């Protein structure tokens, strides 16, 4: 099933916010999913198994070395962004 998700990663207890975010981002880029970066979140789309695997891997790598919070919203009702940028 094709899905779209919005994911945000929030580093905790660090002054170097870019390190855990870069770790998370690089892990997502290795997966077979569509990625669109935003200022506060990242939109990803693809097959649900690929999305779950990508998020699991990316979170695991970031959380292995940093304290982080991840927020994920996922929908099968709008697997692609419409031309006006909404679901």
C-alpha atoms as a PDB file:
ATOM      1  CA  UNK A   1       0.000   0.000   0.000  1.00  0.00           C
ATOM      2  CA  UNK A   2       1.338   3.438  -0.907  1.00  0.00           C
ATOM      3  CA  UNK A   3       1.399   5.975   1.936  1.00  0.00           C
ATOM      4  CA  UNK A   4       2.621   9.460   2.707  1.00  0.00           C
ATOM      5  CA  UNK A   5       4.080  10.491   6.052  1.00  0.00           C
ATOM      6  CA  UNK A   6       5.331  13.588   7.768  1.00  0.00           C
ATOM      7  CA  UNK A   7       8.169  12.992  10.204  1.00  0.00           C
ATOM      8  CA  UNK A   8       9.939  15.364  12.596  1.00  0.00           C
ATOM      9  CA  UNK A   9      12.980  14.597  14.717  1.00  0.00           C
ATOM     10  CA  UNK A  10      13.751  16.756  17.758  1.00  0.00           C
ATOM     11  CA  UNK A  11      17.208  16.425  19.336  1.00  0.00           C
ATOM     12  CA  UNK A  12      17.323  16.757  23.129  1.00  0.00           C
ATOM     13  CA  UNK A  13      20.111  17.652  25.571  1.00  0.00           C
ATOM     14  CA  UNK A  14      22.565  18.807  22.916  1.00  0.00           C
ATOM     15  CA  UNK A  15      23.856  22.096  21.596  1.00  0.00           C
ATOM     16  CA  UNK A  16      24.709  20.461  18.238  1.00  0.00           C
ATOM     17  CA  UNK A  17      21.280  19.963  16.704  1.00  0.00           C
ATOM     18  CA  UNK A  18      22.659  19.201  13.250  1.00  0.00           C
ATOM     19  CA  UNK A  19      24.427  15.938  14.202  1.00  0.00           C
ATOM     20  CA  UNK A  20      21.353  13.818  15.030  1.00  0.00           C
ATOM     21  CA  UNK A  21      19.354  15.451  12.230  1.00  0.00           C
ATOM     22  CA  UNK A  22      22.047  14.670   9.654  1.00  0.00           C
ATOM     23  CA  UNK A  23      22.263  11.079  10.881  1.00  0.00           C
ATOM     24  CA  UNK A  24      18.502  10.729  10.546  1.00  0.00           C
ATOM     25  CA  UNK A  25      18.404  12.406   7.111  1.00  0.00           C
ATOM     26  CA  UNK A  26      21.294  10.358   5.670  1.00  0.00           C
ATOM     27  CA  UNK A  27      19.568   7.144   6.756  1.00  0.00           C
ATOM     28  CA  UNK A  28      16.329   8.175   5.016  1.00  0.00           C
ATOM     29  CA  UNK A  29      18.225   8.970   1.810  1.00  0.00           C
ATOM     30  CA  UNK A  30      19.485   5.378   1.611  1.00  0.00           C
ATOM     31  CA  UNK A  31      15.954   3.996   1.373  1.00  0.00           C
ATOM     32  CA  UNK A  32      13.721   3.598  -1.679  1.00  0.00           C
ATOM     33  CA  UNK A  33      11.258   6.355  -0.748  1.00  0.00           C
ATOM     34  CA  UNK A  34      10.372   9.833  -1.972  1.00  0.00           C
ATOM     35  CA  UNK A  35      11.681  12.562   0.354  1.00  0.00           C
ATOM     36  CA  UNK A  36      10.869  16.257   0.587  1.00  0.00           C
ATOM     37  CA  UNK A  37      12.591  18.262   3.292  1.00  0.00           C
ATOM     38  CA  UNK A  38      10.844  21.140   5.036  1.00  0.00           C
ATOM     39  CA  UNK A  39      11.906  23.560   7.742  1.00  0.00           C
ATOM     40  CA  UNK A  40      10.089  21.750  10.559  1.00  0.00           C
ATOM     41  CA  UNK A  41       9.446  18.297   9.116  1.00  0.00           C
ATOM     42  CA  UNK A  42      10.202  15.929   6.281  1.00  0.00           C
ATOM     43  CA  UNK A  43       7.560  14.452   3.978  1.00  0.00           C
ATOM     44  CA  UNK A  44       8.173  10.925   2.803  1.00  0.00           C
ATOM     45  CA  UNK A  45       6.130   8.759   0.458  1.00  0.00           C
ATOM     46  CA  UNK A  46       6.375   5.203  -0.734  1.00  0.00           C
ATOM     47  CA  UNK A  47       5.224   1.698  -0.011  1.00  0.00           C
ATOM     48  CA  UNK A  48       4.241   1.293   3.646  1.00  0.00           C
ATOM     49  CA  UNK A  49       6.829  -1.424   4.302  1.00  0.00           C
ATOM     50  CA  UNK A  50       9.566   0.837   2.919  1.00  0.00           C
ATOM     51  CA  UNK A  51       8.380   3.810   4.980  1.00  0.00           C
ATOM     52  CA  UNK A  52       8.284   1.805   8.207  1.00  0.00           C
ATOM     53  CA  UNK A  53      11.723   0.318   7.518  1.00  0.00           C
ATOM     54  CA  UNK A  54      13.214   3.719   6.667  1.00  0.00           C
ATOM     55  CA  UNK A  55      11.829   5.403   9.783  1.00  0.00           C
ATOM     56  CA  UNK A  56      12.850   2.484  12.015  1.00  0.00           C
ATOM     57  CA  UNK A  57      16.411   2.537  10.685  1.00  0.00           C
ATOM     58  CA  UNK A  58      16.771   6.321  10.724  1.00  0.00           C
ATOM     59  CA  UNK A  59      15.385   6.658  14.250  1.00  0.00           C
ATOM     60  CA  UNK A  60      17.545   3.790  15.495  1.00  0.00           C
ATOM     61  CA  UNK A  61      20.731   5.350  14.150  1.00  0.00           C
ATOM     62  CA  UNK A  62      19.933   8.812  15.530  1.00  0.00           C
ATOM     63  CA  UNK A  63      18.775   7.449  18.903  1.00  0.00           C
ATOM     64  CA  UNK A  64      21.836   5.227  19.281  1.00  0.00           C
ATOM     65  CA  UNK A  65      24.040   8.282  19.801  1.00  0.00           C
ATOM     66  CA  UNK A  66      21.649  11.078  20.780  1.00  0.00           C
ATOM     67  CA  UNK A  67      18.549  11.696  22.860  1.00  0.00           C
ATOM     68  CA  UNK A  68      15.754  12.410  20.383  1.00  0.00           C
ATOM     69  CA  UNK A  69      11.992  12.625  20.022  1.00  0.00           C
ATOM     70  CA  UNK A  70      10.362  11.625  16.757  1.00  0.00           C
ATOM     71  CA  UNK A  71       6.848  12.611  15.667  1.00  0.00           C
ATOM     72  CA  UNK A  72       5.308  10.697  12.753  1.00  0.00           C
ATOM     73  CA  UNK A  73       1.988  11.210  10.970  1.00  0.00           C
ATOM     74  CA  UNK A  74       1.080   8.717   8.268  1.00  0.00           C
ATOM     75  CA  UNK A  75      -1.835   8.467   5.856  1.00  0.00           C
ATOM     76  CA  UNK A  76      -2.996   6.028   3.230  1.00  0.00           C
ATOM     77  CA  UNK A  77      -5.748   8.483   2.207  1.00  0.00           C
ATOM     78  CA  UNK A  78      -3.361  10.900   0.510  1.00  0.00           C
ATOM     79  CA  UNK A  79      -0.336   8.966  -0.703  1.00  0.00           C
ATOM     80  CA  UNK A  80       0.777  11.794  -3.004  1.00  0.00           C
ATOM     81  CA  UNK A  81       0.748  15.548  -2.530  1.00  0.00           C
ATOM     82  CA  UNK A  82      -1.739  17.383  -4.672  1.00  0.00           C
ATOM     83  CA  UNK A  83      -0.709  20.304  -6.868  1.00  0.00           C
ATOM     84  CA  UNK A  84      -1.717  22.829  -4.195  1.00  0.00           C
ATOM     85  CA  UNK A  85       0.485  21.126  -1.584  1.00  0.00           C
ATOM     86  CA  UNK A  86      -2.314  19.655   0.492  1.00  0.00           C
ATOM     87  CA  UNK A  87      -3.492  16.149   1.082  1.00  0.00           C
END
